[in-house]
C-alpha cells in the first residue's frame, strides 16, 4: 500500500505540464553530459599540446595521428559497453542501480584524470568507458518507464530530456574548456569530476520522489498493456530464430579481432607494441588485414541470420542494416568535431580579438551564457518549490551545483571583459553544436509533422549533404592561405551550423526507425548492430581526423576538407538513389 501511495503522489507532482521526476532525470543527465563533454573537448588538445616544463597547460606532445588513435578507441568503446550495461541492468540490477553505479565509476574516472600522471589518466579513461556502459542505456529506460501510462506526453518528455543533454554539453565544453585553457588542463578535468559527483548525489537522494522507477522486481509480472499485446501478436507471426553454435563462434571471432584492433591501433602508433606486425605487407598493415577479415565474417553473420526470417521481417531488417551502413558515413564525418576540427580551431583559425570586435564578442558571449543558464535556473526553482518536502537533500545538491556553475560563468565573463585583447578559447567553438541544436531542434521537428516530411532515405541524404556543405565552407575558406595566415572564424561557425542541421536530420530519427521496423524480440540485437555501426564510425572518424597534419603537410588544409566534402556527398546521393528500394524493404512503415 505504501508503494502504491508513493507512486500516486509521484504521478500527481507536475512541473510545466510534465512529471516532476522528469526534471530529476533532466538535471542528472545534464551534469553527466557536462562532465563527459567537458572532458572530451580537452582530450585531443591535452594529448597534442606541447611539453613545457612547469607549465600547467603543458601536454603530452603527441601527433594528431597518435592522439586520434587513442581517442578513436575511447569513443568506440563508449558505444560498445552500453550494450552490456543494458543487459546487466535488465537481468540483474535494474536501471536505477545501474545509473548510480555508472555515475559513481565515472566520478572516479574524472577524479583520476585530475592527477597529473599517465597511469591515473588511463585509469580515468577506463573508468569513463565502464561507467558510461552502465549509465548511458539506462537513463532513457527509466524515462520510458516513467511515461509508460502517458504515451501522449512521451514525445514532449524526450524533447525536454534531450534539451538537458545539450545544455550539459554546452556548459561543460564552455566552462571546463575555458578553465583548462586558461588555468591548466587538470583544473578542467577536475571541474568535470566535481559536477559528475554532485549529479550522482542529486539522483541518489531523489529516491523518495521516484518511487520504484528503475528498480528490478523479478517477483512481479509486467502488466499487459495494448503495447505488450501488439508485441506478442507480432512475435506470434514471426518464426523463432535462435542463435546457432556457428553464430556464437563467429560473434566470438569478430569480437576478439575487433577488441584487439581497437587497443593495438593506439599502442602500435605510439611505438609500444604491434600485435599484428607479422602480417604486415608492403601495401597494408597487419591490423587492417585482420579488421577487413573481421568485417567480412561480420557481414556473413548478419546476412545469414537475417535470411532465416520470413520475407517481411527479413526485408525490414535489411532496411535497418542499410540505414546503419549510411549512418557510418555520417558519424565518420560529423565526429570530426571531436578531433580534427579541434586542432583546426587551435592551429588554423584566427581567434584573436581586439577593440570593438572584442566588445561585440563579449556581449554576445554573455548573452550566450547567461540566458540559457537563467532559463535552466528557473526550472530548478520550479522543481525545488514543488518537491522540497520530498527530496530536500537532492534539491540542496542541485542548488549547490547552480551556485558553482553561476560562479564559474561570472568569473569567466569578468575575466574576458577585463582584457583589452583576447583570444577565443578553442573549446568555445565546440559549444556551437549544442547551441544550434537548442535553437533549431523545434523548427526541424516541425518539418517531420508537416506534409513536407521526407522519407528515411531522403532524411539521411539531406543530412549527409548538409555535413558536406559544412566541410565545403571550410575548404573554400582555407584555399590558398599562405604560411602564417589564418582562416576567419566565421567559416568554422558556419561549418558547425550546417553540421548541426545535418545531425538534426539524421540522429534523432535513426533509433525511431529501428524500433518501428524490427520485431520486439529482435530489438536488443538490432540496437546492438546500430550502436556497433556508430562505434565503427567513431573509430574511423578519429583515425581519419588524425591525418589532418599529414594531409596538410603533403597537400594543403583545403584538401583535407574537400575529402570530407566528397565522402558524405557521395553517400548522401547514393542513399537517396536507393530510396525506392528502402521504401520497398520497409513494407509500408513510415
Protein backbone atom coordinates (compact mmCIF):
# COMPACT_ATOMS: atom_id res chain seq x y z
CA UNK A 1 0.00 0.00 0.00
CA UNK A 2 2.82 2.40 0.85
CA UNK A 3 4.38 1.80 -2.53
CA UNK A 4 1.09 2.48 -4.32
CA UNK A 5 0.63 5.74 -2.38
CA UNK A 6 4.18 6.78 -3.23
CA UNK A 7 3.56 6.16 -6.90
CA UNK A 8 0.29 8.12 -6.81
CA UNK A 9 1.98 11.08 -5.14
CA UNK A 10 4.72 10.91 -7.69
CA UNK A 11 2.26 10.95 -10.58
CA UNK A 12 0.36 13.92 -9.11
CA UNK A 13 3.54 16.01 -8.92
CA UNK A 14 3.91 18.08 -12.09
CA UNK A 15 6.10 20.91 -13.37
CA UNK A 16 5.46 22.72 -16.66
CA UNK A 17 2.87 20.08 -17.56
CA UNK A 18 5.32 17.18 -17.09
CA UNK A 19 6.04 14.86 -14.19
CA UNK A 20 8.48 16.37 -11.74
CA UNK A 21 10.59 13.20 -11.84
CA UNK A 22 11.41 14.08 -15.45
CA UNK A 23 13.38 17.10 -14.24
CA UNK A 24 15.34 14.97 -11.78
CA UNK A 25 16.41 12.91 -14.79
CA UNK A 26 16.92 16.13 -16.79
CA UNK A 27 19.43 17.52 -14.27
CA UNK A 28 21.13 14.17 -13.70
CA UNK A 29 21.69 13.78 -17.43
CA UNK A 30 22.72 17.44 -17.71
CA UNK A 31 25.51 17.09 -15.13
CA UNK A 32 26.68 13.81 -16.64
CA UNK A 33 26.87 15.38 -20.10
CA UNK A 34 28.54 18.47 -18.57
CA UNK A 35 31.27 16.20 -17.25
CA UNK A 36 31.54 13.99 -20.33
CA UNK A 37 31.71 16.75 -22.94
CA UNK A 38 33.76 18.97 -20.67
CA UNK A 39 36.41 16.24 -20.58
CA UNK A 40 36.03 15.26 -24.24
CA UNK A 41 36.69 18.75 -25.58
CA UNK A 42 40.01 18.76 -23.69
CA UNK A 43 41.25 15.30 -24.62
CA UNK A 44 42.74 15.89 -28.09
CA UNK A 45 44.06 19.31 -27.06
CA UNK A 46 45.79 17.87 -23.99
CA UNK A 47 47.35 14.95 -25.87
CA UNK A 48 48.69 17.14 -28.68
CA UNK A 49 49.77 20.19 -26.60
CA UNK A 50 53.50 20.87 -26.37
CA UNK A 51 55.51 19.66 -23.38
CA UNK A 52 56.54 22.73 -21.36
CA UNK A 53 58.22 22.04 -18.04
CA UNK A 54 56.34 23.52 -15.08
CA UNK A 55 53.50 24.88 -17.21
CA UNK A 56 50.01 23.66 -16.14
CA UNK A 57 48.99 23.92 -19.81
CA UNK A 58 51.74 21.50 -20.82
CA UNK A 59 50.53 18.44 -22.73
CA UNK A 60 51.96 15.18 -23.99
CA UNK A 61 53.07 16.46 -27.43
CA UNK A 62 51.55 13.53 -29.31
CA UNK A 63 50.98 13.83 -33.05
CA UNK A 64 47.43 14.18 -34.34
CA UNK A 65 47.64 10.60 -35.64
CA UNK A 66 48.65 9.21 -32.23
CA UNK A 67 46.02 11.25 -30.38
CA UNK A 68 43.34 10.28 -32.93
CA UNK A 69 44.14 6.58 -32.49
CA UNK A 70 43.66 6.78 -28.70
CA UNK A 71 40.57 8.96 -28.90
CA UNK A 72 39.06 6.68 -31.55
CA UNK A 73 39.43 3.61 -29.35
CA UNK A 74 37.98 5.51 -26.38
CA UNK A 75 34.98 6.76 -28.40
CA UNK A 76 34.46 3.32 -29.95
CA UNK A 77 34.29 1.64 -26.54
CA UNK A 78 31.78 4.24 -25.31
CA UNK A 79 29.26 2.82 -27.80
CA UNK A 80 30.03 -0.85 -27.14
CA UNK A 81 29.91 -1.03 -23.34
CA UNK A 82 26.28 0.27 -23.16
CA UNK A 83 25.17 -2.92 -24.96
CA UNK A 84 26.41 -4.94 -21.97
CA UNK A 85 25.30 -2.34 -19.41
CA UNK A 86 21.73 -2.55 -20.66
CA UNK A 87 21.72 -6.35 -20.45
CA UNK A 88 23.14 -6.33 -16.89
CA UNK A 89 20.53 -3.78 -15.78
CA UNK A 90 17.63 -5.69 -17.35
CA UNK A 91 18.63 -9.07 -15.91
CA UNK A 92 20.36 -8.40 -12.61
CA UNK A 93 20.39 -4.93 -11.00
CA UNK A 94 17.72 -2.70 -12.55
CA UNK A 95 18.10 0.62 -14.34
CA UNK A 96 18.24 2.81 -11.23
CA UNK A 97 21.10 0.93 -9.61
CA UNK A 98 22.91 0.77 -12.96
CA UNK A 99 22.73 4.58 -13.25
CA UNK A 100 24.13 5.05 -9.72
CA UNK A 101 26.92 2.50 -10.28
CA UNK A 102 27.79 4.01 -13.66
CA UNK A 103 27.80 7.58 -12.34
CA UNK A 104 29.99 6.57 -9.38
CA UNK A 105 32.55 4.84 -11.62
CA UNK A 106 32.56 7.86 -13.95
CA UNK A 107 33.15 10.17 -10.98
CA UNK A 108 36.21 8.09 -10.07
CA UNK A 109 37.33 8.34 -13.68
CA UNK A 110 37.08 12.13 -13.81
CA UNK A 111 38.85 12.40 -10.44
CA UNK A 112 41.68 10.17 -11.71
CA UNK A 113 42.23 12.42 -14.73
CA UNK A 114 42.69 15.43 -12.46
CA UNK A 115 46.01 13.91 -11.31
CA UNK A 116 48.98 14.73 -13.49
CA UNK A 117 50.27 11.19 -14.14
CA UNK A 118 49.91 8.91 -17.19
CA UNK A 119 48.79 5.96 -15.05
CA UNK A 120 45.92 7.91 -13.47
CA UNK A 121 44.99 9.34 -16.86
CA UNK A 122 44.50 5.88 -18.40
CA UNK A 123 42.71 4.59 -15.29
CA UNK A 124 40.38 7.57 -15.69
CA UNK A 125 39.63 6.75 -19.34
CA UNK A 126 38.92 3.11 -18.44
CA UNK A 127 36.53 4.16 -15.67
CA UNK A 128 34.71 6.54 -18.01
CA UNK A 129 34.22 3.75 -20.57
CA UNK A 130 32.90 1.29 -17.95
CA UNK A 131 30.75 3.88 -16.18
CA UNK A 132 29.19 5.07 -19.44
CA UNK A 133 28.29 1.45 -20.19
CA UNK A 134 26.11 1.36 -17.09
CA UNK A 135 24.80 4.94 -17.30
CA UNK A 136 24.05 5.61 -20.98
CA UNK A 137 21.38 2.98 -21.81
CA UNK A 138 19.53 3.15 -18.51
CA UNK A 139 18.56 6.82 -18.18
CA UNK A 140 16.26 6.63 -21.25
CA UNK A 141 14.96 3.32 -19.89
CA UNK A 142 13.85 4.99 -16.63
CA UNK A 143 12.28 7.84 -18.61
CA UNK A 144 10.36 5.36 -20.77
CA UNK A 145 9.09 3.57 -17.65
CA UNK A 146 8.06 6.91 -16.12
CA UNK A 147 5.76 7.67 -19.05
CA UNK A 148 4.54 4.13 -19.70
CA UNK A 149 0.96 5.10 -18.86
CA UNK A 150 1.12 8.51 -20.61
CA UNK A 151 2.25 7.79 -24.19
CA UNK A 152 0.73 11.05 -25.42
CA UNK A 153 3.25 13.02 -23.31
CA UNK A 154 6.27 10.84 -24.07
CA UNK A 155 7.49 12.82 -27.12
CA UNK A 156 7.44 16.07 -25.13
CA UNK A 157 9.26 14.40 -22.23
CA UNK A 158 12.01 13.09 -24.50
CA UNK A 159 12.37 16.54 -26.07
CA UNK A 160 12.90 18.12 -22.63
CA UNK A 161 15.32 15.33 -21.70
CA UNK A 162 17.25 15.91 -24.95
CA UNK A 163 17.50 19.61 -24.06
CA UNK A 164 19.13 18.59 -20.77
CA UNK A 165 21.69 16.57 -22.74
CA UNK A 166 22.58 19.56 -24.89
CA UNK A 167 22.54 22.06 -22.03
CA UNK A 168 25.05 19.91 -20.15
CA UNK A 169 27.24 19.53 -23.23
CA UNK A 170 27.09 23.29 -23.87
CA UNK A 171 28.11 24.40 -20.37
CA UNK A 172 30.59 21.55 -19.91
CA UNK A 173 32.55 22.40 -23.05
CA UNK A 174 32.37 26.13 -22.36
CA UNK A 175 33.41 26.16 -18.68
CA UNK A 176 35.69 23.10 -18.47
CA UNK A 177 37.32 24.21 -21.71
CA UNK A 178 37.82 27.79 -20.55
CA UNK A 179 39.27 26.82 -17.16
CA UNK A 180 41.55 24.19 -18.71
CA UNK A 181 42.86 26.51 -21.43
CA UNK A 182 43.46 29.44 -19.07
CA UNK A 183 44.42 27.74 -15.78
CA UNK A 184 45.68 24.27 -16.75
CA UNK A 185 44.35 21.00 -18.19
CA UNK A 186 43.85 19.20 -14.90
CA UNK A 187 41.73 22.03 -13.50
CA UNK A 188 39.36 21.36 -16.39
CA UNK A 189 39.39 17.60 -15.81
CA UNK A 190 38.79 18.23 -12.10
CA UNK A 191 35.81 20.53 -12.70
CA UNK A 192 34.18 17.81 -14.81
CA UNK A 193 34.62 15.39 -11.89
CA UNK A 194 33.05 17.76 -9.35
CA UNK A 195 29.82 18.06 -11.33
CA UNK A 196 29.73 14.32 -12.03
CA UNK A 197 29.90 13.68 -8.27
CA UNK A 198 27.19 16.23 -7.47
CA UNK A 199 24.95 14.89 -10.25
CA UNK A 200 25.30 11.37 -8.82
CA UNK A 201 24.33 12.52 -5.33
CA UNK A 202 21.40 14.55 -6.63
CA UNK A 203 19.98 11.47 -8.39
CA UNK A 204 20.57 9.13 -5.44
CA UNK A 205 18.87 11.47 -2.95
CA UNK A 206 15.80 11.85 -5.21
CA UNK A 207 14.60 8.30 -4.50
CA UNK A 208 11.59 9.39 -2.35
CA UNK A 209 10.19 11.19 -5.39
CA UNK A 210 11.00 8.49 -7.95
CA UNK A 211 9.33 5.61 -6.12
CA UNK A 212 10.19 2.23 -7.62
CA UNK A 213 11.07 3.51 -11.08
CA UNK A 214 14.03 1.59 -12.45
CA UNK A 215 14.02 -0.91 -9.58
CA UNK A 216 14.23 -4.51 -10.73
CA UNK A 217 11.43 -6.66 -9.33
CA UNK A 218 11.54 -10.21 -10.68
CA UNK A 219 8.67 -11.34 -8.46
CA UNK A 220 6.06 -9.44 -10.44
CA UNK A 221 4.84 -9.99 -13.96
CA UNK A 222 4.78 -6.93 -16.20
CA UNK A 223 1.12 -5.83 -16.56
CA UNK A 224 -0.24 -6.49 -20.04
CA UNK A 225 -0.86 -3.27 -21.96
CA UNK A 226 -2.01 -2.54 -25.51
CA UNK A 227 1.67 -2.18 -26.43
CA UNK A 228 2.68 -5.58 -24.99
CA UNK A 229 -0.32 -7.23 -26.67
CA UNK A 230 0.83 -5.84 -30.02
CA UNK A 231 4.36 -7.10 -29.37
CA UNK A 232 3.06 -10.58 -28.54
CA UNK A 233 0.94 -10.54 -31.67
CA UNK A 234 3.97 -9.61 -33.77
CA UNK A 235 6.10 -12.31 -32.16
CA UNK A 236 3.44 -14.96 -32.77
CA UNK A 237 3.53 -14.26 -36.51
CA UNK A 238 7.35 -14.48 -36.74
CA UNK A 239 9.19 -17.75 -36.62
CA UNK A 240 11.81 -18.16 -33.95
CA UNK A 241 15.43 -17.78 -34.95
CA UNK A 242 17.73 -18.86 -32.12
CA UNK A 243 21.48 -18.27 -32.38
CA UNK A 244 23.30 -21.35 -33.68
CA UNK A 245 26.63 -22.64 -32.41
CA UNK A 246 28.25 -21.25 -35.57
CA UNK A 247 26.69 -17.82 -34.86
CA UNK A 248 28.24 -17.75 -31.39
CA UNK A 249 31.63 -18.83 -32.76
CA UNK A 250 31.57 -16.10 -35.43
CA UNK A 251 30.46 -13.46 -32.90
CA UNK A 252 33.36 -14.50 -30.67
CA UNK A 253 35.89 -14.29 -33.52
CA UNK A 254 34.66 -10.87 -34.67
CA UNK A 255 34.57 -9.57 -31.08
CA UNK A 256 38.11 -10.71 -30.28
CA UNK A 257 39.58 -9.31 -33.52
CA UNK A 258 37.69 -6.02 -33.06
CA UNK A 259 38.89 -5.52 -29.50
CA UNK A 260 42.48 -6.46 -30.34
CA UNK A 261 42.45 -3.95 -33.20
CA UNK A 262 40.91 -1.22 -31.02
CA UNK A 263 43.76 -1.49 -28.49
CA UNK A 264 46.50 -2.31 -30.99
CA UNK A 265 45.91 0.86 -33.01
CA UNK A 266 46.98 3.40 -30.34
CA UNK A 267 49.61 1.04 -28.89
CA UNK A 268 51.30 0.50 -32.27
CA UNK A 269 51.13 4.16 -33.31
CA UNK A 270 52.84 5.12 -30.05
CA UNK A 271 55.60 2.55 -30.64
CA UNK A 272 54.67 0.31 -27.67
CA UNK A 273 53.61 -2.96 -29.33
CA UNK A 274 52.08 -4.11 -32.62
CA UNK A 275 50.29 -7.43 -32.17
CA UNK A 276 49.69 -7.83 -35.90
CA UNK A 277 53.11 -6.77 -37.22
CA UNK A 278 53.87 -10.28 -38.52
CA UNK A 279 51.01 -9.87 -41.01
CA UNK A 280 52.27 -6.56 -42.44
CA UNK A 281 52.61 -6.31 -46.23
CA UNK A 282 54.16 -3.56 -48.39
CA UNK A 283 50.65 -2.29 -49.12
CA UNK A 284 48.65 -2.86 -45.94
CA UNK A 285 49.39 -3.13 -42.23
CA UNK A 286 48.54 -6.38 -40.49
CA UNK A 287 45.95 -4.78 -38.21
CA UNK A 288 43.99 -3.57 -41.23
CA UNK A 289 44.12 -7.02 -42.85
CA UNK A 290 42.64 -8.51 -39.67
CA UNK A 291 39.91 -5.89 -39.37
CA UNK A 292 38.92 -6.45 -43.04
CA UNK A 293 38.70 -10.20 -42.29
CA UNK A 294 36.52 -9.46 -39.24
CA UNK A 295 34.29 -7.23 -41.37
CA UNK A 296 33.77 -10.00 -43.98
CA UNK A 297 32.87 -12.50 -41.22
CA UNK A 298 30.52 -9.97 -39.63
CA UNK A 299 28.69 -9.26 -42.91
CA UNK A 300 28.27 -13.00 -43.46
CA UNK A 301 26.93 -13.39 -39.91
CA UNK A 302 24.36 -10.59 -40.30
CA UNK A 303 23.16 -11.63 -43.77
CA UNK A 304 22.93 -15.35 -42.96
CA UNK A 305 20.98 -14.62 -39.78
CA UNK A 306 18.51 -12.22 -41.40
CA UNK A 307 17.87 -14.63 -44.30
CA UNK A 308 16.39 -17.13 -41.82
CA UNK A 309 13.39 -14.85 -41.18
CA UNK A 310 10.11 -14.60 -43.07
CA UNK A 311 10.08 -12.18 -46.01
CA UNK A 312 8.53 -9.07 -44.41
CA UNK A 313 10.66 -9.26 -41.27
CA UNK A 314 13.74 -10.07 -43.35
CA UNK A 315 13.21 -7.11 -45.68
CA UNK A 316 12.65 -4.66 -42.83
CA UNK A 317 15.80 -5.81 -41.07
CA UNK A 318 17.78 -5.35 -44.28
CA UNK A 319 16.37 -1.79 -44.42
CA UNK A 320 17.76 -1.18 -40.90
CA UNK A 321 21.17 -2.58 -41.94
CA UNK A 322 21.23 -0.26 -44.97
CA UNK A 323 20.41 2.78 -42.81
CA UNK A 324 23.08 1.72 -40.29
CA UNK A 325 25.61 1.48 -43.15
CA UNK A 326 24.96 5.08 -44.21
CA UNK A 327 24.99 6.16 -40.57
CA UNK A 328 28.68 5.22 -40.53
CA UNK A 329 29.42 7.78 -43.26
CA UNK A 330 27.51 10.45 -41.36
CA UNK A 331 29.24 9.99 -38.00
CA UNK A 332 32.61 9.43 -39.65
CA UNK A 333 32.30 12.99 -40.99
CA UNK A 334 30.28 14.67 -38.22
CA UNK A 335 32.56 13.45 -35.41
CA UNK A 336 35.49 15.38 -36.84
CA UNK A 337 34.18 17.95 -34.37
CA UNK A 338 35.89 15.99 -31.58
CA UNK A 339 39.23 15.51 -33.35
CA UNK A 340 40.40 17.36 -36.45
CA UNK A 341 38.15 20.41 -36.04
CA UNK A 342 39.52 20.92 -32.51
CA UNK A 343 43.04 21.03 -33.95
CA UNK A 344 41.91 23.25 -36.82
CA UNK A 345 40.33 25.70 -34.35
CA UNK A 346 43.56 25.74 -32.32
CA UNK A 347 46.12 25.99 -35.12
CA UNK A 348 44.46 27.44 -38.22
CA UNK A 349 41.58 29.72 -37.13
CA UNK A 350 42.16 33.40 -36.35
CA UNK A 351 40.81 33.57 -32.78
CA UNK A 352 42.35 36.92 -31.77
CA UNK A 353 40.05 39.85 -30.99
CA UNK A 354 40.66 43.47 -30.07
CA UNK A 355 38.73 46.73 -29.79
CA UNK A 356 35.12 46.81 -30.93
CA UNK A 357 35.19 43.23 -32.24
CA UNK A 358 36.20 42.01 -28.76
CA UNK A 359 33.45 44.11 -27.13
CA UNK A 360 30.82 42.71 -29.51
CA UNK A 361 32.01 39.14 -28.92
CA UNK A 362 31.95 39.60 -25.14
CA UNK A 363 28.40 40.94 -25.28
CA UNK A 364 27.27 38.05 -27.49
CA UNK A 365 29.10 35.53 -25.32
CA UNK A 366 27.48 36.98 -22.20
CA UNK A 367 24.00 36.50 -23.66
CA UNK A 368 25.14 33.14 -25.00
CA UNK A 369 25.98 32.08 -21.43
CA UNK A 370 23.56 33.92 -19.14
CA UNK A 371 20.26 33.44 -21.00
CA UNK A 372 20.25 29.60 -21.13
CA UNK A 373 21.69 29.43 -17.61
CA UNK A 374 18.90 31.70 -16.33
CA UNK A 375 16.23 29.59 -18.04
CA UNK A 376 17.57 26.35 -16.57
CA UNK A 377 17.91 28.01 -13.14
CA UNK A 378 14.23 28.97 -13.36
CA UNK A 379 13.38 25.29 -13.99
CA UNK A 380 15.45 24.42 -10.89
CA UNK A 381 13.43 26.89 -8.81
CA UNK A 382 10.18 25.33 -10.05
CA UNK A 383 11.46 21.84 -9.21
CA UNK A 384 12.65 22.87 -5.73
CA UNK A 385 9.37 24.65 -4.92
CA UNK A 386 7.35 21.62 -5.95
CA UNK A 387 9.46 18.86 -4.39
CA UNK A 388 11.31 20.41 -1.42
CA UNK A 389 9.41 18.43 1.21
CA UNK A 390 10.00 15.13 -0.60
CA UNK A 391 13.62 15.47 -1.74
CA UNK A 392 15.12 18.38 0.18
CA UNK A 393 18.68 16.97 0.15
CA UNK A 394 18.57 16.37 -3.59
CA UNK A 395 17.45 19.97 -4.12
CA UNK A 396 20.23 21.26 -1.84
CA UNK A 397 22.75 19.45 -4.05
CA UNK A 398 21.16 20.97 -7.15
CA UNK A 399 21.29 24.47 -5.68
CA UNK A 400 24.98 23.92 -4.87
CA UNK A 401 25.56 22.86 -8.48
CA UNK A 402 24.00 26.04 -9.76
CA UNK A 403 25.87 28.25 -7.31
CA UNK A 404 29.11 26.72 -8.61
CA UNK A 405 28.17 26.99 -12.26
CA UNK A 406 26.99 30.59 -11.90
CA UNK A 407 30.23 31.41 -10.09
CA UNK A 408 32.34 29.81 -12.84
CA UNK A 409 30.35 31.54 -15.59
CA UNK A 410 30.52 35.02 -13.99
CA UNK A 411 34.24 34.58 -13.26
CA UNK A 412 34.84 33.65 -16.91
CA UNK A 413 32.88 36.65 -18.21
CA UNK A 414 34.56 39.06 -15.77
CA UNK A 415 37.98 37.82 -16.91
CA UNK A 416 37.15 38.36 -20.57
CA UNK A 417 35.67 41.84 -20.09
CA UNK A 418 38.81 42.96 -18.25
CA UNK A 419 41.07 42.21 -21.26
CA UNK A 420 41.99 44.74 -23.94
CA UNK A 421 42.90 41.95 -26.33
CA UNK A 422 41.82 38.34 -26.15
CA UNK A 423 41.94 35.01 -27.95
CA UNK A 424 38.76 32.94 -28.09
CA UNK A 425 39.30 29.55 -26.49
CA UNK A 426 39.41 26.52 -28.77
CA UNK A 427 36.63 24.83 -26.80
CA UNK A 428 34.22 27.76 -27.39
CA UNK A 429 33.72 26.62 -30.99
CA UNK A 430 32.72 23.13 -29.83
CA UNK A 431 29.79 24.65 -27.88
CA UNK A 432 28.23 25.84 -31.14
CA UNK A 433 26.81 22.39 -31.94
CA UNK A 434 24.83 22.25 -28.67
CA UNK A 435 23.73 25.88 -29.02
CA UNK A 436 22.45 25.35 -32.57
CA UNK A 437 20.61 22.16 -31.51
CA UNK A 438 18.83 24.02 -28.72
CA UNK A 439 17.98 26.86 -31.13
CA UNK A 440 16.93 24.79 -34.16
CA UNK A 441 15.61 21.43 -32.89
CA UNK A 442 11.97 22.51 -32.54
CA UNK A 443 11.94 24.08 -36.01
CA UNK A 444 13.34 20.98 -37.70
CA UNK A 445 10.99 18.69 -35.73
CA UNK A 446 8.00 20.65 -37.09
CA UNK A 447 9.10 19.65 -40.58
CA UNK A 448 8.57 15.98 -39.64
CA UNK A 449 4.96 16.80 -38.68
CA UNK A 450 4.21 18.64 -41.94
CA UNK A 451 3.32 17.45 -45.43
CA UNK A 452 6.98 18.00 -46.38
CA UNK A 453 8.16 15.19 -44.09
CA UNK A 454 10.72 13.32 -46.27
CA UNK A 455 11.26 9.57 -46.33
CA UNK A 456 14.01 7.93 -44.28
CA UNK A 457 16.39 7.76 -47.25
CA UNK A 458 15.95 11.43 -48.06
CA UNK A 459 16.40 12.45 -44.41
CA UNK A 460 19.71 10.61 -44.45
CA UNK A 461 20.65 12.05 -47.83
CA UNK A 462 19.91 15.63 -46.83
CA UNK A 463 21.72 15.16 -43.51
CA UNK A 464 24.86 13.86 -45.23
CA UNK A 465 24.81 16.66 -47.82
CA UNK A 466 24.42 19.31 -45.10
CA UNK A 467 27.51 17.92 -43.35
CA UNK A 468 29.35 18.03 -46.68
CA UNK A 469 28.37 21.70 -47.16
CA UNK A 470 29.92 22.44 -43.77
CA UNK A 471 33.25 20.99 -44.87
CA UNK A 472 32.98 22.70 -48.27
CA UNK A 473 32.73 26.07 -46.50
CA UNK A 474 35.93 25.36 -44.53
CA UNK A 475 37.64 24.07 -47.67
CA UNK A 476 36.83 27.27 -49.55
CA UNK A 477 37.90 29.38 -46.56
CA UNK A 478 41.30 27.66 -46.38
CA UNK A 479 42.08 27.70 -50.11
CA UNK A 480 45.28 29.45 -51.00
CA UNK A 481 46.19 30.58 -47.47
CA UNK A 482 49.93 31.03 -47.04
CA UNK A 483 52.01 30.04 -44.04
CA UNK A 484 51.27 32.26 -41.05
CA UNK A 485 47.88 33.37 -42.41
CA UNK A 486 44.84 32.06 -40.55
CA UNK A 487 41.21 31.40 -41.53
CA UNK A 488 38.41 33.73 -40.41
CA UNK A 489 36.38 32.22 -37.58
CA UNK A 490 33.12 32.79 -39.47
CA UNK A 491 33.96 29.81 -41.70
CA UNK A 492 34.17 27.48 -38.69
CA UNK A 493 30.97 28.92 -37.17
CA UNK A 494 29.10 28.23 -40.44
CA UNK A 495 30.58 24.73 -40.57
CA UNK A 496 29.14 23.91 -37.14
CA UNK A 497 25.77 25.37 -38.21
CA UNK A 498 25.49 23.07 -41.23
CA UNK A 499 26.82 20.08 -39.29
CA UNK A 500 24.15 20.61 -36.64
CA UNK A 501 21.41 20.82 -39.28
CA UNK A 502 22.73 17.55 -40.70
CA UNK A 503 22.64 15.96 -37.24
CA UNK A 504 19.03 17.06 -36.72
CA UNK A 505 18.05 15.35 -39.98
CA UNK A 506 19.67 12.03 -39.05
CA UNK A 507 20.48 11.47 -35.40
CA UNK A 508 17.06 11.75 -33.66
CA UNK A 509 15.20 9.68 -36.28
CA UNK A 510 17.57 6.71 -36.62
CA UNK A 511 16.62 4.79 -33.49
CA UNK A 512 12.97 5.51 -34.19
CA UNK A 513 13.18 3.55 -37.44
CA UNK A 514 14.85 0.63 -35.67
CA UNK A 515 12.00 0.42 -33.15
CA UNK A 516 9.40 0.61 -35.94
CA UNK A 517 10.96 -1.91 -38.32
CA UNK A 518 12.29 -4.65 -36.05
CA UNK A 519 10.21 -7.27 -34.16
CA UNK A 520 10.23 -6.67 -30.41
CA UNK A 521 12.23 -9.78 -29.58
CA UNK A 522 14.95 -8.72 -32.04
CA UNK A 523 15.22 -5.12 -30.79
CA UNK A 524 18.17 -5.77 -28.48
CA UNK A 525 20.15 -7.45 -31.27
CA UNK A 526 19.42 -4.73 -33.85
CA UNK A 527 20.05 -1.89 -31.38
CA UNK A 528 23.37 -3.61 -30.77
CA UNK A 529 24.07 -3.54 -34.52
CA UNK A 530 23.07 0.13 -34.61
CA UNK A 531 25.43 1.09 -31.79
CA UNK A 532 28.15 -1.06 -33.35
CA UNK A 533 27.80 0.99 -36.55
CA UNK A 534 28.24 4.18 -34.53
CA UNK A 535 31.25 2.66 -32.72
CA UNK A 536 32.88 1.81 -36.06
CA UNK A 537 32.14 5.33 -37.29
CA UNK A 538 33.70 6.86 -34.17
CA UNK A 539 36.90 4.90 -34.71
CA UNK A 540 37.02 5.75 -38.42
CA UNK A 541 36.37 9.43 -37.67
CA UNK A 542 39.27 9.63 -35.23
CA UNK A 543 41.68 7.66 -37.44
CA UNK A 544 40.90 9.82 -40.49
CA UNK A 545 40.85 13.00 -38.42
CA UNK A 546 44.33 12.11 -37.17
CA UNK A 547 45.56 12.52 -40.74
CA UNK A 548 44.86 16.28 -40.78
CA UNK A 549 48.51 17.19 -40.14
CA UNK A 550 49.83 14.69 -42.72
CA UNK A 551 47.42 15.82 -45.47
CA UNK A 552 48.05 19.47 -44.65
CA UNK A 553 51.83 18.95 -44.91
CA UNK A 554 51.74 16.89 -48.13
CA UNK A 555 48.96 18.72 -49.96
CA UNK A 556 47.04 21.51 -48.21
CA UNK A 557 44.46 22.00 -45.50
CA UNK A 558 41.73 22.54 -48.10
CA UNK A 559 42.47 19.03 -49.49
CA UNK A 560 41.53 17.58 -46.09
CA UNK A 561 38.22 19.47 -46.01
CA UNK A 562 37.37 18.63 -49.64
CA UNK A 563 37.95 14.94 -48.84
CA UNK A 564 35.26 15.21 -46.15
CA UNK A 565 33.08 17.08 -48.62
CA UNK A 566 33.26 14.31 -51.20
CA UNK A 567 32.65 11.34 -48.86
CA UNK A 568 29.30 12.44 -47.34
CA UNK A 569 28.06 13.91 -50.66
CA UNK A 570 28.67 10.57 -52.39
CA UNK A 571 26.98 8.67 -49.56
CA UNK A 572 24.07 11.13 -49.46
CA UNK A 573 23.37 10.89 -53.19
CA UNK A 574 23.62 7.09 -53.08
CA UNK A 575 21.16 6.68 -50.21
CA UNK A 576 18.66 8.95 -51.99
CA UNK A 577 19.02 6.87 -55.17
CA UNK A 578 18.26 3.80 -53.06
CA UNK A 579 15.04 5.38 -51.74
CA UNK A 580 12.69 3.18 -53.84
CA UNK A 581 14.49 0.04 -52.63
CA UNK A 582 14.48 1.12 -48.98
CA UNK A 583 10.76 2.04 -49.12
CA UNK A 584 10.01 -1.36 -50.66
CA UNK A 585 12.00 -3.13 -47.92
CA UNK A 586 10.07 -1.24 -45.22
CA UNK A 587 6.72 -2.71 -46.38
CA UNK A 588 4.61 0.33 -45.52
CA UNK A 589 6.40 1.50 -42.37
CA UNK A 590 6.82 5.30 -42.50
